Structures are given as C-alpha cells and as structure tokens.
C-alpha cells in the first residue's frame, strides 16, 4: 500500500502547526519531503513520525545521573 502525499498546509492542520512552520522544518532539512517540482513539495505522515522520533529527547534516570555528575566537575 502506498502512503498519501500531503501538502504542508494539510500536514500542518493534522499535527497542529501552520503551513509556514512545516515549510521552515522542510527548509532546515529537519523534515523530509518529496519534491514533485520546484514549487511542489509534499510530505508523508511516516516522515513526520521520523521527525518526531529524531527531534524528541526522552530523559531517562541514567541521563539525569550523567548530567549531575557532569555538573559536579
């Protein structure tokens, strides 16, 4: 099954961002897209999910201990 390609405005509406915010992520190279033409760039939900996984840091108890030790030095 093929995944739907979404314009920035539609993806933004689905995830709570403006089209301009989505385009900024695309321009920064942080959000992958498919370039159909020089003016048409489309996105997928799987690309959005990959962006979220890569952009979200989850602090674990080990992380907190490492930060405390680093601050002691």
C-alpha atoms as a PDB file:
ATOM      1  CA  UNK A   1       0.000   0.000   0.000  1.00  0.00           C
ATOM      2  CA  UNK A   2       1.319   3.438  -0.904  1.00  0.00           C
ATOM      3  CA  UNK A   3       1.355   6.298   1.552  1.00  0.00           C
ATOM      4  CA  UNK A   4      -0.546   9.505   0.837  1.00  0.00           C
ATOM      5  CA  UNK A   5       1.462  12.578  -0.049  1.00  0.00           C
ATOM      6  CA  UNK A   6       0.323  15.690   1.800  1.00  0.00           C
ATOM      7  CA  UNK A   7       0.894  19.385   1.134  1.00  0.00           C
ATOM      8  CA  UNK A   8       2.450  21.370   4.027  1.00  0.00           C
ATOM      9  CA  UNK A   9      -0.872  23.009   4.915  1.00  0.00           C
ATOM     10  CA  UNK A  10      -2.678  19.669   5.252  1.00  0.00           C
ATOM     11  CA  UNK A  11       0.096  18.056   7.311  1.00  0.00           C
ATOM     12  CA  UNK A  12       0.236  21.177   9.475  1.00  0.00           C
ATOM     13  CA  UNK A  13      -3.505  21.007  10.122  1.00  0.00           C
ATOM     14  CA  UNK A  14      -3.168  17.359  11.118  1.00  0.00           C
ATOM     15  CA  UNK A  15      -0.296  17.937  13.570  1.00  0.00           C
ATOM     16  CA  UNK A  16      -1.149  21.394  14.905  1.00  0.00           C
ATOM     17  CA  UNK A  17       1.379  23.534  13.027  1.00  0.00           C
ATOM     18  CA  UNK A  18       0.989  26.252  10.444  1.00  0.00           C
ATOM     19  CA  UNK A  19       1.997  25.626   6.846  1.00  0.00           C
ATOM     20  CA  UNK A  20       4.824  28.153   7.378  1.00  0.00           C
ATOM     21  CA  UNK A  21       6.150  26.172  10.361  1.00  0.00           C
ATOM     22  CA  UNK A  22       6.072  22.945   8.339  1.00  0.00           C
ATOM     23  CA  UNK A  23       7.870  24.646   5.428  1.00  0.00           C
ATOM     24  CA  UNK A  24      10.503  26.016   7.830  1.00  0.00           C
ATOM     25  CA  UNK A  25      11.217  22.464   9.054  1.00  0.00           C
ATOM     26  CA  UNK A  26      11.486  21.346   5.428  1.00  0.00           C
ATOM     27  CA  UNK A  27      13.825  24.237   4.538  1.00  0.00           C
ATOM     28  CA  UNK A  28      16.030  23.469   7.567  1.00  0.00           C
ATOM     29  CA  UNK A  29      16.386  19.877   6.362  1.00  0.00           C
ATOM     30  CA  UNK A  30      14.757  18.543   9.511  1.00  0.00           C
ATOM     31  CA  UNK A  31      11.565  17.269   7.843  1.00  0.00           C
ATOM     32  CA  UNK A  32      11.865  15.060   4.777  1.00  0.00           C
ATOM     33  CA  UNK A  33       9.703  15.668   1.727  1.00  0.00           C
ATOM     34  CA  UNK A  34       9.189  14.575  -1.868  1.00  0.00           C
ATOM     35  CA  UNK A  35       9.908  17.263  -4.449  1.00  0.00           C
ATOM     36  CA  UNK A  36       7.411  16.891  -7.278  1.00  0.00           C
ATOM     37  CA  UNK A  37       8.549  20.119  -8.968  1.00  0.00           C
ATOM     38  CA  UNK A  38      10.439  23.250  -7.936  1.00  0.00           C
ATOM     39  CA  UNK A  39       7.207  24.643  -6.452  1.00  0.00           C
ATOM     40  CA  UNK A  40       5.528  21.439  -5.252  1.00  0.00           C
ATOM     41  CA  UNK A  41       6.913  19.653  -2.212  1.00  0.00           C
ATOM     42  CA  UNK A  42       4.811  17.025  -0.455  1.00  0.00           C
ATOM     43  CA  UNK A  43       5.178  15.169   2.841  1.00  0.00           C
ATOM     44  CA  UNK A  44       4.147  11.881   4.424  1.00  0.00           C
ATOM     45  CA  UNK A  45       2.949  11.028   7.916  1.00  0.00           C
ATOM     46  CA  UNK A  46       5.771   8.496   8.236  1.00  0.00           C
ATOM     47  CA  UNK A  47       8.230  11.328   7.530  1.00  0.00           C
ATOM     48  CA  UNK A  48       6.551  13.386  10.264  1.00  0.00           C
ATOM     49  CA  UNK A  49       6.795  10.449  12.682  1.00  0.00           C
ATOM     50  CA  UNK A  50      10.520  10.047  11.919  1.00  0.00           C
ATOM     51  CA  UNK A  51      10.996  13.782  12.545  1.00  0.00           C
ATOM     52  CA  UNK A  52       9.252  13.464  15.915  1.00  0.00           C
ATOM     53  CA  UNK A  53      11.388  10.484  16.956  1.00  0.00           C
ATOM     54  CA  UNK A  54      14.592  12.265  15.963  1.00  0.00           C
ATOM     55  CA  UNK A  55      13.613  15.644  17.415  1.00  0.00           C
ATOM     56  CA  UNK A  56      12.310  14.374  20.755  1.00  0.00           C
ATOM     57  CA  UNK A  57      14.758  13.586  23.537  1.00  0.00           C
ATOM     58  CA  UNK A  58      13.475  11.397  26.306  1.00  0.00           C
ATOM     59  CA  UNK A  59      15.238  11.859  29.617  1.00  0.00           C
ATOM     60  CA  UNK A  60      15.876   8.637  31.468  1.00  0.00           C
ATOM     61  CA  UNK A  61      17.094   8.301  35.063  1.00  0.00           C
ATOM     62  CA  UNK A  62      20.538   7.448  33.655  1.00  0.00           C
ATOM     63  CA  UNK A  63      20.567  10.751  31.726  1.00  0.00           C
ATOM     64  CA  UNK A  64      19.781  12.681  34.898  1.00  0.00           C
ATOM     65  CA  UNK A  65      22.635  10.973  36.755  1.00  0.00           C
ATOM     66  CA  UNK A  66      25.080  11.753  33.958  1.00  0.00           C
ATOM     67  CA  UNK A  67      24.030  15.413  33.965  1.00  0.00           C
ATOM     68  CA  UNK A  68      24.526  15.640  37.741  1.00  0.00           C
ATOM     69  CA  UNK A  69      27.986  14.094  37.509  1.00  0.00           C
ATOM     70  CA  UNK A  70      28.947  16.419  34.630  1.00  0.00           C
ATOM     71  CA  UNK A  71      27.840  19.470  36.629  1.00  0.00           C
ATOM     72  CA  UNK A  72      29.950  18.402  39.632  1.00  0.00           C
ATOM     73  CA  UNK A  73      33.180  18.655  37.617  1.00  0.00           C
END
